N, C-alpha and C. Protein backbone atom coordinates (compact mmCIF):
# COMPACT_ATOMS: atom_id res chain seq x y z
N MET A 1 15.44 31.11 -80.64
CA MET A 1 14.29 30.42 -80.09
C MET A 1 14.61 28.94 -79.84
N PHE A 2 15.23 28.30 -80.84
CA PHE A 2 15.60 26.89 -80.71
C PHE A 2 16.59 26.69 -79.57
N ASP A 3 17.56 27.63 -79.44
CA ASP A 3 18.54 27.55 -78.36
C ASP A 3 17.86 27.66 -77.00
N ALA A 4 16.85 28.50 -76.89
CA ALA A 4 16.12 28.66 -75.63
C ALA A 4 15.41 27.36 -75.24
N ILE A 5 14.84 26.69 -76.23
CA ILE A 5 14.16 25.42 -75.96
C ILE A 5 15.16 24.36 -75.51
N LEU A 6 16.31 24.29 -76.18
CA LEU A 6 17.34 23.34 -75.79
C LEU A 6 17.85 23.63 -74.37
N LYS A 7 18.03 24.91 -74.06
CA LYS A 7 18.48 25.28 -72.72
C LYS A 7 17.45 24.85 -71.67
N PHE A 8 16.17 25.09 -71.96
CA PHE A 8 15.10 24.71 -71.06
C PHE A 8 15.09 23.20 -70.82
N ILE A 9 15.22 22.42 -71.89
CA ILE A 9 15.24 20.96 -71.79
C ILE A 9 16.46 20.51 -70.98
N GLY A 10 17.59 21.14 -71.20
CA GLY A 10 18.80 20.83 -70.44
C GLY A 10 18.64 21.12 -68.96
N GLU A 11 17.98 22.23 -68.65
CA GLU A 11 17.75 22.58 -67.24
C GLU A 11 16.81 21.58 -66.58
N LEU A 12 15.85 21.09 -67.31
CA LEU A 12 14.97 20.06 -66.75
C LEU A 12 15.77 18.83 -66.36
N GLY A 13 16.69 18.43 -67.20
CA GLY A 13 17.56 17.29 -66.91
C GLY A 13 18.43 17.53 -65.71
N GLU A 14 18.91 18.78 -65.56
CA GLU A 14 19.73 19.13 -64.40
C GLU A 14 18.93 19.02 -63.12
N ASP A 15 17.67 19.47 -63.15
CA ASP A 15 16.82 19.36 -61.97
C ASP A 15 16.66 17.91 -61.58
N ASP A 16 16.49 17.04 -62.55
CA ASP A 16 16.34 15.62 -62.28
C ASP A 16 17.62 15.06 -61.67
N GLN A 17 18.79 15.50 -62.19
CA GLN A 17 20.06 15.04 -61.63
C GLN A 17 20.23 15.55 -60.20
N ARG A 18 19.87 16.81 -59.96
CA ARG A 18 19.99 17.35 -58.60
C ARG A 18 19.09 16.59 -57.64
N ALA A 19 17.94 16.16 -58.10
CA ALA A 19 17.02 15.41 -57.25
C ALA A 19 17.61 14.06 -56.87
N GLN A 20 18.56 13.55 -57.69
CA GLN A 20 19.16 12.25 -57.41
C GLN A 20 20.58 12.37 -56.86
N THR A 21 21.01 13.58 -56.57
CA THR A 21 22.31 13.81 -55.96
C THR A 21 22.05 14.20 -54.51
N PHE A 22 22.68 13.50 -53.60
CA PHE A 22 22.38 13.69 -52.19
C PHE A 22 23.60 14.27 -51.48
N ALA A 23 23.60 15.59 -51.37
CA ALA A 23 24.71 16.31 -50.73
C ALA A 23 24.71 16.07 -49.23
N ASP A 24 25.83 16.36 -48.60
CA ASP A 24 25.95 16.16 -47.16
C ASP A 24 24.91 16.95 -46.36
N ASN A 25 24.46 18.07 -46.90
CA ASN A 25 23.50 18.89 -46.16
C ASN A 25 22.04 18.60 -46.55
N ASP A 26 21.81 17.57 -47.34
CA ASP A 26 20.46 17.19 -47.79
C ASP A 26 19.74 16.47 -46.64
N TYR A 27 18.59 16.99 -46.25
CA TYR A 27 17.85 16.37 -45.16
C TYR A 27 17.46 14.93 -45.48
N ARG A 28 17.27 14.62 -46.78
CA ARG A 28 16.93 13.25 -47.16
C ARG A 28 18.07 12.29 -46.82
N LEU A 29 19.30 12.75 -46.98
CA LEU A 29 20.45 11.93 -46.62
C LEU A 29 20.51 11.73 -45.11
N ALA A 30 20.23 12.77 -44.35
CA ALA A 30 20.22 12.64 -42.89
C ALA A 30 19.14 11.65 -42.44
N ALA A 31 17.96 11.75 -43.02
CA ALA A 31 16.87 10.83 -42.68
C ALA A 31 17.23 9.40 -43.07
N ALA A 32 17.76 9.24 -44.27
CA ALA A 32 18.14 7.91 -44.74
C ALA A 32 19.24 7.31 -43.87
N ALA A 33 20.21 8.11 -43.47
CA ALA A 33 21.29 7.61 -42.62
C ALA A 33 20.74 7.18 -41.26
N LEU A 34 19.80 7.93 -40.74
CA LEU A 34 19.17 7.56 -39.48
C LEU A 34 18.41 6.24 -39.63
N LEU A 35 17.75 6.05 -40.75
CA LEU A 35 17.02 4.81 -41.00
C LEU A 35 17.98 3.63 -41.22
N VAL A 36 19.08 3.88 -41.91
CA VAL A 36 20.09 2.84 -42.10
C VAL A 36 20.65 2.43 -40.74
N HIS A 37 20.93 3.41 -39.91
CA HIS A 37 21.45 3.14 -38.56
C HIS A 37 20.43 2.30 -37.77
N THR A 38 19.17 2.64 -37.92
CA THR A 38 18.10 1.90 -37.25
C THR A 38 18.07 0.45 -37.71
N ALA A 39 18.17 0.24 -39.01
CA ALA A 39 18.14 -1.12 -39.56
C ALA A 39 19.35 -1.94 -39.12
N ALA A 40 20.49 -1.28 -38.95
CA ALA A 40 21.74 -1.99 -38.65
C ALA A 40 22.03 -2.12 -37.16
N ILE A 41 21.26 -1.47 -36.30
CA ILE A 41 21.59 -1.41 -34.87
C ILE A 41 21.60 -2.79 -34.21
N ASP A 42 20.84 -3.73 -34.75
CA ASP A 42 20.79 -5.06 -34.13
C ASP A 42 21.80 -6.03 -34.75
N GLY A 43 22.78 -5.51 -35.45
CA GLY A 43 23.85 -6.35 -35.96
C GLY A 43 24.03 -6.31 -37.46
N GLU A 44 22.95 -6.43 -38.19
CA GLU A 44 23.03 -6.38 -39.65
C GLU A 44 21.68 -5.98 -40.22
N ILE A 45 21.71 -5.53 -41.46
CA ILE A 45 20.47 -5.16 -42.13
C ILE A 45 19.94 -6.40 -42.85
N SER A 46 18.79 -6.87 -42.39
CA SER A 46 18.20 -8.06 -43.01
C SER A 46 17.63 -7.69 -44.39
N ASP A 47 17.36 -8.70 -45.18
CA ASP A 47 16.79 -8.46 -46.51
C ASP A 47 15.44 -7.76 -46.42
N VAL A 48 14.63 -8.15 -45.44
CA VAL A 48 13.31 -7.54 -45.30
C VAL A 48 13.42 -6.07 -44.83
N GLU A 49 14.40 -5.79 -43.98
CA GLU A 49 14.63 -4.40 -43.55
C GLU A 49 15.13 -3.57 -44.73
N ARG A 50 16.03 -4.14 -45.51
CA ARG A 50 16.56 -3.42 -46.67
C ARG A 50 15.44 -3.12 -47.68
N ALA A 51 14.56 -4.08 -47.89
CA ALA A 51 13.44 -3.88 -48.81
C ALA A 51 12.51 -2.79 -48.28
N ARG A 52 12.24 -2.80 -46.98
CA ARG A 52 11.36 -1.78 -46.39
C ARG A 52 12.01 -0.41 -46.48
N LEU A 53 13.29 -0.35 -46.20
CA LEU A 53 14.05 0.89 -46.29
C LEU A 53 13.96 1.45 -47.71
N HIS A 54 14.15 0.59 -48.69
CA HIS A 54 14.09 0.98 -50.10
C HIS A 54 12.69 1.52 -50.44
N ASP A 55 11.66 0.81 -50.01
CA ASP A 55 10.28 1.25 -50.26
C ASP A 55 10.01 2.61 -49.62
N LEU A 56 10.48 2.80 -48.40
CA LEU A 56 10.26 4.07 -47.71
C LEU A 56 10.95 5.23 -48.44
N MET A 57 12.15 5.00 -48.93
CA MET A 57 12.86 6.05 -49.67
C MET A 57 12.09 6.43 -50.93
N MET A 58 11.58 5.43 -51.61
CA MET A 58 10.83 5.69 -52.84
C MET A 58 9.52 6.44 -52.52
N GLN A 59 8.81 5.98 -51.53
CA GLN A 59 7.51 6.57 -51.19
C GLN A 59 7.65 7.97 -50.60
N ARG A 60 8.45 8.11 -49.59
CA ARG A 60 8.52 9.36 -48.83
C ARG A 60 9.23 10.47 -49.58
N PHE A 61 10.24 10.11 -50.37
CA PHE A 61 11.02 11.12 -51.07
C PHE A 61 10.74 11.13 -52.56
N LYS A 62 9.77 10.34 -52.98
CA LYS A 62 9.34 10.29 -54.38
C LYS A 62 10.52 10.03 -55.32
N LEU A 63 11.26 8.96 -55.03
CA LEU A 63 12.42 8.57 -55.81
C LEU A 63 12.11 7.33 -56.64
N ASP A 64 12.85 7.17 -57.73
CA ASP A 64 12.74 5.92 -58.48
C ASP A 64 13.69 4.90 -57.86
N ASP A 65 13.68 3.68 -58.39
CA ASP A 65 14.51 2.60 -57.84
C ASP A 65 15.98 2.99 -57.76
N GLU A 66 16.49 3.52 -58.85
CA GLU A 66 17.91 3.86 -58.93
C GLU A 66 18.28 4.95 -57.91
N ALA A 67 17.47 5.97 -57.82
CA ALA A 67 17.74 7.06 -56.88
C ALA A 67 17.65 6.57 -55.44
N ALA A 68 16.69 5.71 -55.15
CA ALA A 68 16.56 5.14 -53.80
C ALA A 68 17.80 4.32 -53.45
N ASP A 69 18.28 3.53 -54.40
CA ASP A 69 19.51 2.75 -54.18
C ASP A 69 20.70 3.67 -53.92
N LYS A 70 20.81 4.75 -54.69
CA LYS A 70 21.91 5.71 -54.50
C LYS A 70 21.83 6.35 -53.13
N LEU A 71 20.62 6.74 -52.73
CA LEU A 71 20.45 7.38 -51.43
C LEU A 71 20.83 6.42 -50.30
N ILE A 72 20.40 5.18 -50.39
CA ILE A 72 20.71 4.21 -49.34
C ILE A 72 22.21 3.94 -49.29
N ALA A 73 22.84 3.79 -50.45
CA ALA A 73 24.30 3.56 -50.48
C ALA A 73 25.04 4.74 -49.86
N ARG A 74 24.63 5.93 -50.21
CA ARG A 74 25.25 7.14 -49.65
C ARG A 74 24.99 7.22 -48.15
N ALA A 75 23.78 6.86 -47.72
CA ALA A 75 23.42 6.88 -46.29
C ALA A 75 24.26 5.88 -45.51
N GLU A 76 24.54 4.74 -46.09
CA GLU A 76 25.38 3.74 -45.43
C GLU A 76 26.79 4.29 -45.22
N GLU A 77 27.32 5.00 -46.22
CA GLU A 77 28.64 5.61 -46.10
C GLU A 77 28.66 6.65 -44.98
N VAL A 78 27.65 7.50 -44.98
CA VAL A 78 27.57 8.57 -43.99
C VAL A 78 27.39 7.99 -42.59
N ASP A 79 26.54 7.00 -42.46
CA ASP A 79 26.30 6.38 -41.15
C ASP A 79 27.57 5.73 -40.62
N GLU A 80 28.33 5.12 -41.51
CA GLU A 80 29.57 4.45 -41.09
C GLU A 80 30.58 5.44 -40.48
N ARG A 81 30.57 6.67 -40.98
CA ARG A 81 31.50 7.70 -40.49
C ARG A 81 30.96 8.47 -39.29
N ALA A 82 29.68 8.36 -39.02
CA ALA A 82 29.05 9.15 -37.96
C ALA A 82 29.49 8.67 -36.58
N VAL A 83 29.62 9.63 -35.68
CA VAL A 83 29.99 9.29 -34.31
C VAL A 83 28.80 9.33 -33.36
N ASP A 84 27.73 9.97 -33.80
CA ASP A 84 26.53 10.05 -32.97
C ASP A 84 25.31 10.38 -33.82
N LEU A 85 24.16 10.45 -33.19
CA LEU A 85 22.91 10.76 -33.88
C LEU A 85 22.72 12.25 -34.08
N TYR A 86 23.39 13.03 -33.27
CA TYR A 86 23.20 14.48 -33.26
C TYR A 86 23.44 15.11 -34.64
N HIS A 87 24.43 14.60 -35.34
CA HIS A 87 24.75 15.11 -36.68
C HIS A 87 23.52 15.03 -37.60
N PHE A 88 22.82 13.91 -37.55
CA PHE A 88 21.64 13.72 -38.40
C PHE A 88 20.44 14.50 -37.88
N THR A 89 20.20 14.40 -36.59
CA THR A 89 19.00 15.03 -36.02
C THR A 89 19.06 16.54 -36.08
N THR A 90 20.24 17.11 -35.97
CA THR A 90 20.37 18.56 -36.09
C THR A 90 19.95 19.02 -37.48
N ARG A 91 20.41 18.33 -38.48
CA ARG A 91 20.05 18.68 -39.86
C ARG A 91 18.54 18.53 -40.07
N LEU A 92 17.96 17.47 -39.53
CA LEU A 92 16.52 17.26 -39.67
C LEU A 92 15.73 18.32 -38.91
N ASN A 93 16.20 18.71 -37.73
CA ASN A 93 15.52 19.76 -36.96
C ASN A 93 15.51 21.08 -37.72
N ARG A 94 16.57 21.37 -38.44
CA ARG A 94 16.64 22.62 -39.21
C ARG A 94 15.73 22.59 -40.44
N ALA A 95 15.59 21.42 -41.04
CA ALA A 95 14.90 21.33 -42.33
C ALA A 95 13.42 20.97 -42.22
N LEU A 96 13.02 20.33 -41.13
CA LEU A 96 11.67 19.79 -41.05
C LEU A 96 10.86 20.43 -39.94
N ASP A 97 9.55 20.43 -40.13
CA ASP A 97 8.66 20.91 -39.07
C ASP A 97 8.32 19.75 -38.13
N ASP A 98 7.51 20.03 -37.11
CA ASP A 98 7.17 19.02 -36.10
C ASP A 98 6.57 17.76 -36.72
N LYS A 99 5.62 17.95 -37.61
CA LYS A 99 4.93 16.82 -38.23
C LYS A 99 5.91 15.97 -39.05
N GLN A 100 6.79 16.62 -39.78
CA GLN A 100 7.75 15.90 -40.62
C GLN A 100 8.77 15.14 -39.76
N ARG A 101 9.18 15.73 -38.64
CA ARG A 101 10.11 15.03 -37.75
C ARG A 101 9.44 13.80 -37.13
N ALA A 102 8.17 13.93 -36.78
CA ALA A 102 7.43 12.77 -36.28
C ALA A 102 7.34 11.69 -37.36
N ARG A 103 7.23 12.12 -38.60
CA ARG A 103 7.18 11.18 -39.72
C ARG A 103 8.49 10.38 -39.82
N VAL A 104 9.61 11.03 -39.55
CA VAL A 104 10.90 10.33 -39.54
C VAL A 104 10.90 9.25 -38.46
N VAL A 105 10.40 9.59 -37.28
CA VAL A 105 10.33 8.61 -36.19
C VAL A 105 9.41 7.45 -36.60
N GLU A 106 8.31 7.77 -37.25
CA GLU A 106 7.41 6.72 -37.72
C GLU A 106 8.12 5.81 -38.72
N MET A 107 8.91 6.39 -39.61
CA MET A 107 9.66 5.60 -40.58
C MET A 107 10.67 4.69 -39.87
N MET A 108 11.27 5.19 -38.80
CA MET A 108 12.19 4.36 -38.02
C MET A 108 11.45 3.14 -37.47
N TRP A 109 10.25 3.36 -36.92
CA TRP A 109 9.46 2.23 -36.43
C TRP A 109 9.12 1.27 -37.56
N GLN A 110 8.82 1.79 -38.74
CA GLN A 110 8.49 0.93 -39.87
C GLN A 110 9.66 0.04 -40.26
N VAL A 111 10.86 0.58 -40.19
CA VAL A 111 12.05 -0.23 -40.47
C VAL A 111 12.22 -1.30 -39.40
N VAL A 112 12.05 -0.92 -38.14
CA VAL A 112 12.21 -1.85 -37.03
C VAL A 112 11.21 -3.00 -37.12
N PHE A 113 9.95 -2.67 -37.37
CA PHE A 113 8.91 -3.70 -37.41
C PHE A 113 8.93 -4.52 -38.70
N ALA A 114 9.75 -4.15 -39.66
CA ALA A 114 9.79 -4.89 -40.93
C ALA A 114 10.15 -6.35 -40.72
N ASP A 115 11.04 -6.62 -39.78
CA ASP A 115 11.46 -8.00 -39.55
C ASP A 115 10.81 -8.63 -38.33
N GLY A 116 9.76 -8.03 -37.84
CA GLY A 116 9.03 -8.64 -36.72
C GLY A 116 9.10 -7.82 -35.47
N GLY A 117 9.82 -8.31 -34.49
CA GLY A 117 9.86 -7.69 -33.18
C GLY A 117 10.84 -6.54 -33.06
N VAL A 118 10.83 -5.97 -31.88
CA VAL A 118 11.68 -4.82 -31.56
C VAL A 118 12.70 -5.26 -30.52
N THR A 119 13.98 -5.03 -30.81
CA THR A 119 15.01 -5.34 -29.82
C THR A 119 15.19 -4.14 -28.89
N GLU A 120 15.83 -4.37 -27.77
CA GLU A 120 16.08 -3.27 -26.83
C GLU A 120 16.98 -2.20 -27.45
N PHE A 121 17.87 -2.61 -28.34
CA PHE A 121 18.75 -1.65 -29.01
C PHE A 121 17.94 -0.73 -29.93
N GLU A 122 17.02 -1.33 -30.67
CA GLU A 122 16.17 -0.55 -31.58
C GLU A 122 15.28 0.41 -30.80
N ASP A 123 14.67 -0.08 -29.75
CA ASP A 123 13.79 0.74 -28.92
C ASP A 123 14.56 1.92 -28.33
N ASN A 124 15.75 1.65 -27.82
CA ASN A 124 16.57 2.70 -27.22
C ASN A 124 17.01 3.72 -28.26
N LEU A 125 17.38 3.25 -29.44
CA LEU A 125 17.79 4.15 -30.51
C LEU A 125 16.66 5.11 -30.89
N ILE A 126 15.47 4.57 -31.06
CA ILE A 126 14.35 5.42 -31.46
C ILE A 126 13.99 6.38 -30.33
N TRP A 127 14.08 5.94 -29.11
CA TRP A 127 13.83 6.83 -27.96
C TRP A 127 14.80 8.02 -28.01
N ARG A 128 16.09 7.73 -28.21
CA ARG A 128 17.10 8.81 -28.25
C ARG A 128 16.89 9.72 -29.45
N ALA A 129 16.65 9.13 -30.62
CA ALA A 129 16.45 9.94 -31.83
C ALA A 129 15.21 10.80 -31.70
N ALA A 130 14.12 10.23 -31.20
CA ALA A 130 12.89 11.01 -31.03
C ALA A 130 13.11 12.17 -30.08
N ASP A 131 13.84 11.92 -29.03
CA ASP A 131 14.15 12.99 -28.07
C ASP A 131 14.94 14.10 -28.76
N LEU A 132 15.94 13.75 -29.54
CA LEU A 132 16.74 14.74 -30.25
C LEU A 132 15.93 15.46 -31.33
N LEU A 133 14.90 14.81 -31.85
CA LEU A 133 14.05 15.41 -32.88
C LEU A 133 12.86 16.17 -32.27
N ASN A 134 12.84 16.26 -30.96
CA ASN A 134 11.77 16.95 -30.24
C ASN A 134 10.41 16.33 -30.50
N VAL A 135 10.38 15.01 -30.63
CA VAL A 135 9.13 14.27 -30.73
C VAL A 135 8.84 13.75 -29.32
N SER A 136 7.69 14.08 -28.81
CA SER A 136 7.36 13.75 -27.42
C SER A 136 7.29 12.25 -27.18
N ARG A 137 7.43 11.88 -25.93
CA ARG A 137 7.33 10.49 -25.51
C ARG A 137 5.98 9.91 -25.93
N GLU A 138 4.93 10.68 -25.70
CA GLU A 138 3.58 10.22 -26.03
C GLU A 138 3.43 9.96 -27.52
N GLU A 139 3.95 10.89 -28.33
CA GLU A 139 3.85 10.71 -29.78
C GLU A 139 4.70 9.54 -30.26
N ARG A 140 5.88 9.39 -29.69
CA ARG A 140 6.76 8.26 -30.05
C ARG A 140 6.06 6.94 -29.77
N ILE A 141 5.43 6.83 -28.62
CA ILE A 141 4.73 5.59 -28.26
C ILE A 141 3.50 5.39 -29.15
N ALA A 142 2.78 6.45 -29.43
CA ALA A 142 1.61 6.36 -30.32
C ALA A 142 2.03 5.91 -31.72
N LEU A 143 3.15 6.42 -32.21
CA LEU A 143 3.66 6.02 -33.52
C LEU A 143 4.05 4.55 -33.51
N ARG A 144 4.69 4.11 -32.44
CA ARG A 144 5.07 2.70 -32.32
C ARG A 144 3.83 1.82 -32.36
N THR A 145 2.83 2.20 -31.61
CA THR A 145 1.59 1.42 -31.56
C THR A 145 0.92 1.36 -32.93
N ARG A 146 0.84 2.50 -33.60
CA ARG A 146 0.21 2.54 -34.92
C ARG A 146 0.95 1.67 -35.93
N VAL A 147 2.27 1.76 -35.94
CA VAL A 147 3.05 0.96 -36.89
C VAL A 147 2.92 -0.52 -36.58
N ALA A 148 2.94 -0.89 -35.29
CA ALA A 148 2.79 -2.29 -34.90
C ALA A 148 1.43 -2.82 -35.33
N GLU A 149 0.38 -2.01 -35.16
CA GLU A 149 -0.97 -2.44 -35.56
C GLU A 149 -1.06 -2.58 -37.08
N GLN A 150 -0.45 -1.67 -37.81
CA GLN A 150 -0.45 -1.76 -39.28
C GLN A 150 0.29 -3.02 -39.73
N LYS A 151 1.41 -3.29 -39.10
CA LYS A 151 2.20 -4.48 -39.43
C LYS A 151 1.38 -5.75 -39.17
N ALA A 152 0.71 -5.81 -38.01
CA ALA A 152 -0.10 -6.97 -37.66
C ALA A 152 -1.25 -7.14 -38.65
N ALA A 153 -1.89 -6.05 -39.02
CA ALA A 153 -3.00 -6.11 -39.98
C ALA A 153 -2.51 -6.60 -41.34
N ASN A 154 -1.34 -6.12 -41.77
CA ASN A 154 -0.78 -6.55 -43.06
C ASN A 154 -0.36 -8.01 -43.03
N ASP A 155 0.14 -8.47 -41.88
CA ASP A 155 0.54 -9.88 -41.75
C ASP A 155 -0.67 -10.81 -41.78
N ASP A 156 -1.78 -10.32 -41.24
CA ASP A 156 -3.01 -11.12 -41.22
C ASP A 156 -3.69 -11.19 -42.57
N ALA A 157 -3.43 -10.18 -43.40
CA ALA A 157 -4.11 -10.10 -44.71
C ALA A 157 -3.54 -11.05 -45.73
């Protein structure tokens, strides 16, 4: 009986470790890499973009600080080796439904608007990623508008 309880407790710990291990086929890693790419497309990841990225990882994937940091570090490695967006978007298309893929595009806009305006590189990147994620032009624009309005409201508050 005691051994069964110890085994159960050990398995709980393993589940927690698996939740903080981000394998190459983990959709969270693909999403994070896409967001890292979004933050870095204009030359470098600013402190405010990095903070927003960290917050999004914690909120959307229900991670603690340490796990969010691990995911972002792993995403930076993966993004550095990537040759295109298709690698990430294919994984996301397989793992997520329409609503969840739109949520990824929304998160991309949230990273972009974290430091203020949108550059042509950022806009083009999100257009391409949304297209690969089968998020319509109308929805992509609506998401951009919503995130911009939320950002403006938060800045005014």
